[in-house]
Amino acid sequence: LGLTPGQEVCLVVAMGYADDVPPASRERLSLEEICQFNP
């Protein structure tokens, strides 16, 4: 890429149109499992 000192590739994002079927749902913790007010 011809990067100069001080520049660093930290992440790469692949982008395009999806060619797969999305999963019916994604497993996620419930809000109650991850959130607490004023512990």
PDB file of all heavy atoms in Angstrom:
ATOM      1  N   LEU A   1       0.807  -1.221   0.000  1.00  0.00           N
ATOM      2  CA  LEU A   1       0.000   0.000   0.000  1.00  0.00           C
ATOM      3  C   LEU A   1       0.842   1.274   0.000  1.00  0.00           C
ATOM      4  O   LEU A   1       0.303   2.369  -0.143  1.00  0.00           O
ATOM      5  CB  LEU A   1      -0.944  -0.008   1.199  1.00  0.00           C
ATOM      6  CG  LEU A   1      -1.928  -1.181   1.257  1.00  0.00           C
ATOM      7  CD1 LEU A   1      -2.684  -1.177   2.572  1.00  0.00           C
ATOM      8  CD2 LEU A   1      -2.880  -1.159   0.066  1.00  0.00           C
ATOM      9  N   GLY A   2       2.149   1.134   0.181  1.00  0.00           N
ATOM     10  CA  GLY A   2       3.027   2.304   0.189  1.00  0.00           C
ATOM     11  C   GLY A   2       2.783   3.226   1.362  1.00  0.00           C
ATOM     12  O   GLY A   2       2.822   4.450   1.212  1.00  0.00           O
ATOM     13  N   LEU A   3       2.554   2.653   2.533  1.00  0.00           N
ATOM     14  CA  LEU A   3       2.263   3.482   3.700  1.00  0.00           C
ATOM     15  C   LEU A   3       3.509   4.184   4.210  1.00  0.00           C
ATOM     16  O   LEU A   3       4.614   3.670   4.107  1.00  0.00           O
ATOM     17  CB  LEU A   3       1.654   2.622   4.815  1.00  0.00           C
ATOM     18  CG  LEU A   3       0.353   1.919   4.458  1.00  0.00           C
ATOM     19  CD1 LEU A   3      -0.206   1.204   5.673  1.00  0.00           C
ATOM     20  CD2 LEU A   3      -0.673   2.879   3.893  1.00  0.00           C
ATOM     21  N   THR A   4       3.293   5.351   4.756  1.00  0.00           N
ATOM     22  CA  THR A   4       4.385   6.139   5.307  1.00  0.00           C
ATOM     23  C   THR A   4       4.544   5.829   6.791  1.00  0.00           C
ATOM     24  O   THR A   4       3.613   5.315   7.423  1.00  0.00           O
ATOM     25  CB  THR A   4       4.101   7.649   5.131  1.00  0.00           C
ATOM     26  OG1 THR A   4       2.890   7.972   5.825  1.00  0.00           O
ATOM     27  CG2 THR A   4       3.958   8.015   3.666  1.00  0.00           C
ATOM     28  N   PRO A   5       5.711   6.154   7.364  1.00  0.00           N
ATOM     29  CA  PRO A   5       5.868   5.958   8.814  1.00  0.00           C
ATOM     30  C   PRO A   5       4.762   6.715   9.566  1.00  0.00           C
ATOM     31  O   PRO A   5       4.416   7.834   9.211  1.00  0.00           O
ATOM     32  CB  PRO A   5       7.238   6.553   9.109  1.00  0.00           C
ATOM     33  CG  PRO A   5       7.975   6.445   7.808  1.00  0.00           C
ATOM     34  CD  PRO A   5       6.929   6.661   6.741  1.00  0.00           C
ATOM     35  N   GLY A   6       4.212   6.082  10.566  1.00  0.00           N
ATOM     36  CA  GLY A   6       3.110   6.686  11.322  1.00  0.00           C
ATOM     37  C   GLY A   6       1.757   6.181  10.882  1.00  0.00           C
ATOM     38  O   GLY A   6       0.773   6.361  11.584  1.00  0.00           O
ATOM     39  N   GLN A   7       1.685   5.564   9.711  1.00  0.00           N
ATOM     40  CA  GLN A   7       0.434   4.972   9.246  1.00  0.00           C
ATOM     41  C   GLN A   7       0.498   3.463   9.479  1.00  0.00           C
ATOM     42  O   GLN A   7       1.528   2.846   9.226  1.00  0.00           O
ATOM     43  CB  GLN A   7       0.215   5.222   7.757  1.00  0.00           C
ATOM     44  CG  GLN A   7      -0.007   6.662   7.405  1.00  0.00           C
ATOM     45  CD  GLN A   7      -0.229   6.841   5.912  1.00  0.00           C
ATOM     46  OE1 GLN A   7       0.429   6.212   5.101  1.00  0.00           O
ATOM     47  NE2 GLN A   7      -1.158   7.707   5.565  1.00  0.00           N
ATOM     48  N   GLU A   8      -0.599   2.907   9.948  1.00  0.00           N
ATOM     49  CA  GLU A   8      -0.643   1.474  10.207  1.00  0.00           C
ATOM     50  C   GLU A   8      -2.028   0.932   9.879  1.00  0.00           C
ATOM     51  O   GLU A   8      -3.032   1.539  10.247  1.00  0.00           O
ATOM     52  CB  GLU A   8      -0.343   1.193  11.682  1.00  0.00           C
ATOM     53  CG  GLU A   8      -0.410  -0.253  12.050  1.00  0.00           C
ATOM     54  CD  GLU A   8      -0.278  -0.494  13.545  1.00  0.00           C
ATOM     55  OE1 GLU A   8      -0.032   0.451  14.306  1.00  0.00           O
ATOM     56  OE2 GLU A   8      -0.450  -1.651  13.947  1.00  0.00           O
ATOM     57  N   VAL A   9      -2.071  -0.192   9.175  1.00  0.00           N
ATOM     58  CA  VAL A   9      -3.347  -0.858   8.928  1.00  0.00           C
ATOM     59  C   VAL A   9      -3.754  -1.535  10.228  1.00  0.00           C
ATOM     60  O   VAL A   9      -3.065  -2.417  10.720  1.00  0.00           O
ATOM     61  CB  VAL A   9      -3.248  -1.898   7.795  1.00  0.00           C
ATOM     62  CG1 VAL A   9      -4.588  -2.617   7.627  1.00  0.00           C
ATOM     63  CG2 VAL A   9      -2.823  -1.253   6.481  1.00  0.00           C
ATOM     64  N   CYS A  10      -4.873  -1.095  10.791  1.00  0.00           N
ATOM     65  CA  CYS A  10      -5.367  -1.668  12.046  1.00  0.00           C
ATOM     66  C   CYS A  10      -6.512  -2.641  11.817  1.00  0.00           C
ATOM     67  O   CYS A  10      -6.628  -3.642  12.518  1.00  0.00           O
ATOM     68  CB  CYS A  10      -5.821  -0.563  12.987  1.00  0.00           C
ATOM     69  SG  CYS A  10      -4.470   0.483  13.528  1.00  0.00           S
ATOM     70  N   LEU A  11      -7.369  -2.319  10.873  1.00  0.00           N
ATOM     71  CA  LEU A  11      -8.534  -3.141  10.563  1.00  0.00           C
ATOM     72  C   LEU A  11      -8.731  -3.158   9.059  1.00  0.00           C
ATOM     73  O   LEU A  11      -8.273  -2.254   8.357  1.00  0.00           O
ATOM     74  CB  LEU A  11      -9.800  -2.571  11.216  1.00  0.00           C
ATOM     75  CG  LEU A  11      -9.833  -2.495  12.734  1.00  0.00           C
ATOM     76  CD1 LEU A  11     -10.999  -1.626  13.203  1.00  0.00           C
ATOM     77  CD2 LEU A  11      -9.929  -3.875  13.333  1.00  0.00           C
ATOM     78  N   VAL A  12      -9.431  -4.168   8.595  1.00  0.00           N
ATOM     79  CA  VAL A  12      -9.825  -4.248   7.192  1.00  0.00           C
ATOM     80  C   VAL A  12     -11.310  -4.566   7.176  1.00  0.00           C
ATOM     81  O   VAL A  12     -11.779  -5.413   7.946  1.00  0.00           O
ATOM     82  CB  VAL A  12      -9.041  -5.345   6.441  1.00  0.00           C
ATOM     83  CG1 VAL A  12      -9.497  -5.443   4.992  1.00  0.00           C
ATOM     84  CG2 VAL A  12      -7.534  -5.090   6.519  1.00  0.00           C
ATOM     85  N   VAL A  13     -12.045  -3.883   6.311  1.00  0.00           N
ATOM     86  CA  VAL A  13     -13.472  -4.158   6.169  1.00  0.00           C
ATOM     87  C   VAL A  13     -13.709  -4.718   4.777  1.00  0.00           C
ATOM     88  O   VAL A  13     -13.409  -4.062   3.773  1.00  0.00           O
ATOM     89  CB  VAL A  13     -14.320  -2.880   6.375  1.00  0.00           C
ATOM     90  CG1 VAL A  13     -15.811  -3.191   6.173  1.00  0.00           C
ATOM     91  CG2 VAL A  13     -14.087  -2.283   7.753  1.00  0.00           C
ATOM     92  N   ALA A  14     -14.204  -5.961   4.720  1.00  0.00           N
ATOM     93  CA  ALA A  14     -14.640  -6.549   3.456  1.00  0.00           C
ATOM     94  C   ALA A  14     -16.045  -6.027   3.196  1.00  0.00           C
ATOM     95  O   ALA A  14     -16.869  -5.945   4.113  1.00  0.00           O
ATOM     96  CB  ALA A  14     -14.638  -8.067   3.557  1.00  0.00           C
ATOM     97  N   MET A  15     -16.323  -5.663   1.934  1.00  0.00           N
ATOM     98  CA  MET A  15     -17.623  -5.068   1.606  1.00  0.00           C
ATOM     99  C   MET A  15     -18.131  -5.607   0.283  1.00  0.00           C
ATOM    100  O   MET A  15     -17.347  -5.787  -0.652  1.00  0.00           O
ATOM    101  CB  MET A  15     -17.489  -3.544   1.529  1.00  0.00           C
ATOM    102  CG  MET A  15     -18.763  -2.821   1.131  1.00  0.00           C
ATOM    103  SD  MET A  15     -18.521  -1.038   0.939  1.00  0.00           S
ATOM    104  CE  MET A  15     -18.615  -0.521   2.652  1.00  0.00           C
ATOM    105  N   GLY A  16     -19.420  -5.838   0.227  1.00  0.00           N
ATOM    106  CA  GLY A  16     -20.065  -6.278  -1.007  1.00  0.00           C
ATOM    107  C   GLY A  16     -21.495  -6.673  -0.721  1.00  0.00           C
ATOM    108  O   GLY A  16     -22.039  -6.387   0.354  1.00  0.00           O
ATOM    109  N   TYR A  17     -22.090  -7.361  -1.679  1.00  0.00           N
ATOM    110  CA  TYR A  17     -23.461  -7.835  -1.522  1.00  0.00           C
ATOM    111  C   TYR A  17     -23.429  -9.268  -1.009  1.00  0.00           C
ATOM    112  O   TYR A  17     -22.718 -10.111  -1.561  1.00  0.00           O
ATOM    113  CB  TYR A  17     -24.216  -7.743  -2.847  1.00  0.00           C
ATOM    114  CG  TYR A  17     -24.343  -6.318  -3.319  1.00  0.00           C
ATOM    115  CD1 TYR A  17     -23.444  -5.795  -4.244  1.00  0.00           C
ATOM    116  CD2 TYR A  17     -25.332  -5.487  -2.799  1.00  0.00           C
ATOM    117  CE1 TYR A  17     -23.540  -4.481  -4.658  1.00  0.00           C
ATOM    118  CE2 TYR A  17     -25.432  -4.165  -3.205  1.00  0.00           C
ATOM    119  CZ  TYR A  17     -24.531  -3.667  -4.134  1.00  0.00           C
ATOM    120  OH  TYR A  17     -24.622  -2.357  -4.528  1.00  0.00           O
ATOM    121  N   ALA A  18     -24.164  -9.530   0.046  1.00  0.00           N
ATOM    122  CA  ALA A  18     -24.158 -10.856   0.666  1.00  0.00           C
ATOM    123  C   ALA A  18     -24.657 -11.918  -0.303  1.00  0.00           C
ATOM    124  O   ALA A  18     -25.607 -11.699  -1.054  1.00  0.00           O
ATOM    125  CB  ALA A  18     -25.031 -10.847   1.923  1.00  0.00           C
ATOM    126  N   ASP A  19     -23.981 -13.056  -0.282  1.00  0.00           N
ATOM    127  CA  ASP A  19     -24.361 -14.183  -1.117  1.00  0.00           C
ATOM    128  C   ASP A  19     -24.766 -15.371  -0.255  1.00  0.00           C
ATOM    129  O   ASP A  19     -24.747 -16.504  -0.689  1.00  0.00           O
ATOM    130  CB  ASP A  19     -23.201 -14.594  -2.037  1.00  0.00           C
ATOM    131  CG  ASP A  19     -23.646 -15.571  -3.112  1.00  0.00           C
ATOM    132  OD1 ASP A  19     -24.823 -15.528  -3.507  1.00  0.00           O
ATOM    133  OD2 ASP A  19     -22.807 -16.385  -3.548  1.00  0.00           O
ATOM    134  N   ASP A  20     -25.107 -15.114   0.971  1.00  0.00           N
ATOM    135  CA  ASP A  20     -25.527 -16.196   1.849  1.00  0.00           C
ATOM    136  C   ASP A  20     -26.866 -15.837   2.488  1.00  0.00           C
ATOM    137  O   ASP A  20     -27.289 -14.700   2.466  1.00  0.00           O
ATOM    138  CB  ASP A  20     -24.471 -16.508   2.907  1.00  0.00           C
ATOM    139  CG  ASP A  20     -24.096 -15.296   3.752  1.00  0.00           C
ATOM    140  OD1 ASP A  20     -24.545 -14.176   3.461  1.00  0.00           O
ATOM    141  OD2 ASP A  20     -23.337 -15.465   4.720  1.00  0.00           O
ATOM    142  N   VAL A  21     -27.490 -16.817   3.020  1.00  0.00           N
ATOM    143  CA  VAL A  21     -28.782 -16.617   3.677  1.00  0.00           C
ATOM    144  C   VAL A  21     -28.515 -16.195   5.115  1.00  0.00           C
ATOM    145  O   VAL A  21     -27.777 -16.869   5.836  1.00  0.00           O
ATOM    146  CB  VAL A  21     -29.611 -17.916   3.641  1.00  0.00           C
ATOM    147  CG1 VAL A  21     -30.927 -17.733   4.370  1.00  0.00           C
ATOM    148  CG2 VAL A  21     -29.816 -18.349   2.200  1.00  0.00           C
ATOM    149  N   PRO A  22     -29.088 -15.075   5.544  1.00  0.00           N
ATOM    150  CA  PRO A  22     -28.854 -14.646   6.927  1.00  0.00           C
ATOM    151  C   PRO A  22     -29.439 -15.651   7.911  1.00  0.00           C
ATOM    152  O   PRO A  22     -30.465 -16.278   7.630  1.00  0.00           O
ATOM    153  CB  PRO A  22     -29.568 -13.301   7.019  1.00  0.00           C
ATOM    154  CG  PRO A  22     -30.525 -13.269   5.900  1.00  0.00           C
ATOM    155  CD  PRO A  22     -29.994 -14.187   4.838  1.00  0.00           C
ATOM    156  N   PRO A  23     -28.771 -15.812   9.048  1.00  0.00           N
ATOM    157  CA  PRO A  23     -29.321 -16.712  10.063  1.00  0.00           C
ATOM    158  C   PRO A  23     -30.663 -16.191  10.563  1.00  0.00           C
ATOM    159  O   PRO A  23     -30.920 -14.996  10.522  1.00  0.00           O
ATOM    160  CB  PRO A  23     -28.271 -16.690  11.174  1.00  0.00           C
ATOM    161  CG  PRO A  23     -27.453 -15.466  10.925  1.00  0.00           C
ATOM    162  CD  PRO A  23     -27.562 -15.144   9.469  1.00  0.00           C
ATOM    163  N   ALA A  24     -31.495 -17.125  11.004  1.00  0.00           N
ATOM    164  CA  ALA A  24     -32.822 -16.742  11.496  1.00  0.00           C
ATOM    165  C   ALA A  24     -32.716 -15.755  12.656  1.00  0.00           C
ATOM    166  O   ALA A  24     -33.484 -14.820  12.763  1.00  0.00           O
ATOM    167  CB  ALA A  24     -33.589 -17.981  11.918  1.00  0.00           C
ATOM    168  N   SER A  25     -31.756 -15.986  13.537  1.00  0.00           N
ATOM    169  CA  SER A  25     -31.551 -15.063  14.650  1.00  0.00           C
ATOM    170  C   SER A  25     -30.112 -15.190  15.129  1.00  0.00           C
ATOM    171  O   SER A  25     -29.438 -16.169  14.845  1.00  0.00           O
ATOM    172  CB  SER A  25     -32.521 -15.372  15.798  1.00  0.00           C
ATOM    173  OG  SER A  25     -32.216 -16.630  16.350  1.00  0.00           O
ATOM    174  N   ARG A  26     -29.684 -14.173  15.845  1.00  0.00           N
ATOM    175  CA  ARG A  26     -28.347 -14.195  16.427  1.00  0.00           C
ATOM    176  C   ARG A  26     -28.506 -14.322  17.927  1.00  0.00           C
ATOM    177  O   ARG A  26     -29.341 -13.661  18.529  1.00  0.00           O
ATOM    178  CB  ARG A  26     -27.591 -12.906  16.099  1.00  0.00           C
ATOM    179  CG  ARG A  26     -27.297 -12.764  14.632  1.00  0.00           C
ATOM    180  CD  ARG A  26     -26.496 -11.519  14.368  1.00  0.00           C
ATOM    181  NE  ARG A  26     -27.288 -10.336  14.715  1.00  0.00           N
ATOM    182  CZ  ARG A  26     -26.840  -9.099  14.652  1.00  0.00           C
ATOM    183  NH1 ARG A  26     -25.611  -8.873  14.298  1.00  0.00           N
ATOM    184  NH2 ARG A  26     -27.599  -8.081  14.964  1.00  0.00           N
ATOM    185  N   GLU A  27     -27.683 -15.143  18.510  1.00  0.00           N
ATOM    186  CA  GLU A  27     -27.718 -15.300  19.965  1.00  0.00           C
ATOM    187  C   GLU A  27     -27.108 -14.060  20.602  1.00  0.00           C
ATOM    188  O   GLU A  27     -25.991 -13.676  20.283  1.00  0.00           O
ATOM    189  CB  GLU A  27     -26.927 -16.543  20.372  1.00  0.00           C
ATOM    190  CG  GLU A  27     -27.502 -17.820  19.818  1.00  0.00           C
ATOM    191  CD  GLU A  27     -28.011 -18.725  20.901  1.00  0.00           C
ATOM    192  OE1 GLU A  27     -27.747 -18.463  22.085  1.00  0.00           O
ATOM    193  OE2 GLU A  27     -28.681 -19.700  20.540  1.00  0.00           O
ATOM    194  N   ARG A  28     -27.843 -13.447  21.463  1.00  0.00           N
ATOM    195  CA  ARG A  28     -27.371 -12.288  22.199  1.00  0.00           C
ATOM    196  C   ARG A  28     -27.831 -12.424  23.644  1.00  0.00           C
ATOM    197  O   ARG A  28     -28.919 -12.926  23.914  1.00  0.00           O
ATOM    198  CB  ARG A  28     -27.920 -10.977  21.624  1.00  0.00           C
ATOM    199  CG  ARG A  28     -27.394 -10.623  20.251  1.00  0.00           C
ATOM    200  CD  ARG A  28     -25.941 -10.225  20.355  1.00  0.00           C
ATOM    201  NE  ARG A  28     -25.414  -9.679  19.128  1.00  0.00           N
ATOM    202  CZ  ARG A  28     -24.608 -10.336  18.306  1.00  0.00           C
ATOM    203  NH1 ARG A  28     -24.257 -11.571  18.556  1.00  0.00           N
ATOM    204  NH2 ARG A  28     -24.132  -9.751  17.223  1.00  0.00           N
ATOM    205  N   LEU A  29     -26.995 -11.973  24.557  1.00  0.00           N
ATOM    206  CA  LEU A  29     -27.402 -11.933  25.959  1.00  0.00           C
ATOM    207  C   LEU A  29     -28.561 -10.961  26.099  1.00  0.00           C
ATOM    208  O   LEU A  29     -28.649  -9.972  25.366  1.00  0.00           O
ATOM    209  CB  LEU A  29     -26.233 -11.498  26.832  1.00  0.00           C
ATOM    210  CG  LEU A  29     -25.024 -12.432  26.859  1.00  0.00           C
ATOM    211  CD1 LEU A  29     -23.875 -11.789  27.638  1.00  0.00           C
ATOM    212  CD2 LEU A  29     -25.388 -13.775  27.462  1.00  0.00           C
ATOM    213  N   SER A  30     -29.423 -11.214  27.059  1.00  0.00           N
ATOM    214  CA  SER A  30     -30.546 -10.311  27.291  1.00  0.00           C
ATOM    215  C   SER A  30     -30.032  -9.024  27.924  1.00  0.00           C
ATOM    216  O   SER A  30     -28.940  -8.977  28.507  1.00  0.00           O
ATOM    217  CB  SER A  30     -31.582 -10.964  28.208  1.00  0.00           C
ATOM    218  OG  SER A  30     -31.065 -11.047  29.528  1.00  0.00           O
ATOM    219  N   LEU A  31     -30.827  -7.991  27.842  1.00  0.00           N
ATOM    220  CA  LEU A  31     -30.480  -6.711  28.445  1.00  0.00           C
ATOM    221  C   LEU A  31     -30.283  -6.866  29.952  1.00  0.00           C
ATOM    222  O   LEU A  31     -29.359  -6.287  30.527  1.00  0.00           O
ATOM    223  CB  LEU A  31     -31.566  -5.682  28.136  1.00  0.00           C
ATOM    224  CG  LEU A  31     -31.264  -4.233  28.455  1.00  0.00           C
ATOM    225  CD1 LEU A  31     -29.965  -3.768  27.793  1.00  0.00           C
ATOM    226  CD2 LEU A  31     -32.408  -3.349  28.030  1.00  0.00           C
ATOM    227  N   GLU A  32     -31.106  -7.685  30.581  1.00  0.00           N
ATOM    228  CA  GLU A  32     -30.987  -7.912  32.024  1.00  0.00           C
ATOM    229  C   GLU A  32     -29.652  -8.563  32.388  1.00  0.00           C
ATOM    230  O   GLU A  32     -29.120  -8.366  33.476  1.00  0.00           O
ATOM    231  CB  GLU A  32     -32.147  -8.784  32.538  1.00  0.00           C
ATOM    232  CG  GLU A  32     -33.506  -8.112  32.482  1.00  0.00           C
ATOM    233  CD  GLU A  32     -34.098  -8.088  31.064  1.00  0.00           C
ATOM    234  OE1 GLU A  32     -33.705  -8.919  30.212  1.00  0.00           O
ATOM    235  OE2 GLU A  32     -34.938  -7.213  30.800  1.00  0.00           O
ATOM    236  N   GLU A  33     -29.097  -9.369  31.478  1.00  0.00           N
ATOM    237  CA  GLU A  33     -27.831 -10.056  31.743  1.00  0.00           C
ATOM    238  C   GLU A  33     -26.616  -9.136  31.609  1.00  0.00           C
ATOM    239  O   GLU A  33     -25.566  -9.417  32.172  1.00  0.00           O
ATOM    240  CB  GLU A  33     -27.655 -11.240  30.788  1.00  0.00           C
ATOM    241  CG  GLU A  33     -28.623 -12.376  31.022  1.00  0.00           C
ATOM    242  CD  GLU A  33     -28.506 -13.441  29.964  1.00  0.00           C
ATOM    243  OE1 GLU A  33     -28.919 -13.187  28.811  1.00  0.00           O
ATOM    244  OE2 GLU A  33     -27.982 -14.529  30.297  1.00  0.00           O
ATOM    245  N   ILE A  34     -26.773  -8.048  30.885  1.00  0.00           N
ATOM    246  CA  ILE A  34     -25.596  -7.204  30.632  1.00  0.00           C
ATOM    247  C   ILE A  34     -25.674  -5.813  31.244  1.00  0.00           C
ATOM    248  O   ILE A  34     -24.709  -5.064  31.202  1.00  0.00           O
ATOM    249  CB  ILE A  34     -25.344  -7.055  29.116  1.00  0.00           C
ATOM    250  CG1 ILE A  34     -26.506  -6.311  28.439  1.00  0.00           C
ATOM    251  CG2 ILE A  34     -25.084  -8.403  28.476  1.00  0.00           C
ATOM    252  CD1 ILE A  34     -26.185  -5.774  27.089  1.00  0.00           C
ATOM    253  N   CYS A  35     -26.810  -5.457  31.818  1.00  0.00           N
ATOM    254  CA  CYS A  35     -26.991  -4.088  32.302  1.00  0.00           C
ATOM    255  C   CYS A  35     -27.384  -4.069  33.773  1.00  0.00           C
ATOM    256  O   CYS A  35     -28.238  -4.837  34.220  1.00  0.00           O
ATOM    257  CB  CYS A  35     -28.071  -3.394  31.476  1.00  0.00           C
ATOM    258  SG  CYS A  35     -28.394  -1.708  32.004  1.00  0.00           S
ATOM    259  N   GLN A  36     -26.765  -3.176  34.503  1.00  0.00           N
ATOM    260  CA  GLN A  36     -27.095  -2.992  35.913  1.00  0.00           C
ATOM    261  C   GLN A  36     -27.009  -1.495  36.197  1.00  0.00           C
ATOM    262  O   GLN A  36     -26.065  -0.831  35.783  1.00  0.00           O
ATOM    263  CB  GLN A  36     -26.094  -3.758  36.775  1.00  0.00           C
ATOM    264  CG  GLN A  36     -26.367  -3.710  38.241  1.00  0.00           C
ATOM    265  CD  GLN A  36     -25.329  -4.518  39.029  1.00  0.00           C
ATOM    266  OE1 GLN A  36     -24.300  -4.907  38.504  1.00  0.00           O
ATOM    267  NE2 GLN A  36     -25.615  -4.732  40.283  1.00  0.00           N
ATOM    268  N   PHE A  37     -27.974  -0.965  36.888  1.00  0.00           N
ATOM    269  CA  PHE A  37     -27.969   0.443  37.263  1.00  0.00           C
ATOM    270  C   PHE A  37     -27.447   0.601  38.686  1.00  0.00           C
ATOM    271  O   PHE A  37     -27.824  -0.147  39.581  1.00  0.00           O
ATOM    272  CB  PHE A  37     -29.388   1.032  37.187  1.00  0.00           C
ATOM    273  CG  PHE A  37     -29.856   1.305  35.794  1.00  0.00           C
ATOM    274  CD1 PHE A  37     -30.486   0.324  35.048  1.00  0.00           C
ATOM    275  CD2 PHE A  37     -29.653   2.549  35.210  1.00  0.00           C
ATOM    276  CE1 PHE A  37     -30.920   0.563  33.762  1.00  0.00           C
ATOM    277  CE2 PHE A  37     -30.079   2.816  33.920  1.00  0.00           C
ATOM    278  CZ  PHE A  37     -30.720   1.821  33.190  1.00  0.00           C
ATOM    279  N   ASN A  38     -26.593   1.556  38.897  1.00  0.00           N
ATOM    280  CA  ASN A  38     -26.103   1.944  40.213  1.00  0.00           C
ATOM    281  C   ASN A  38     -25.669   0.761  41.074  1.00  0.00           C
ATOM    282  O   ASN A  38     -26.198   0.552  42.174  1.00  0.00           O
ATOM    283  CB  ASN A  38     -27.164   2.762  40.956  1.00  0.00           C
ATOM    284  CG  ASN A  38     -27.637   3.948  40.146  1.00  0.00           C
ATOM    285  OD1 ASN A  38     -26.821   4.681  39.607  1.00  0.00           O
ATOM    286  ND2 ASN A  38     -28.937   4.121  40.035  1.00  0.00           N
ATOM    287  N   PRO A  39     -24.709  -0.015  40.617  1.00  0.00           N
ATOM    288  CA  PRO A  39     -24.296  -1.201  41.394  1.00  0.00           C
ATOM    289  C   PRO A  39     -23.769  -0.778  42.772  1.00  0.00           C
ATOM    290  O   PRO A  39     -23.094   0.222  42.920  1.00  0.00           O
ATOM    291  CB  PRO A  39     -23.198  -1.826  40.537  1.00  0.00           C
ATOM    292  CG  PRO A  39     -22.691  -0.716  39.689  1.00  0.00           C
ATOM    293  CD  PRO A  39     -23.869   0.197  39.461  1.00  0.00           C
TER     294      PRO A  39
END
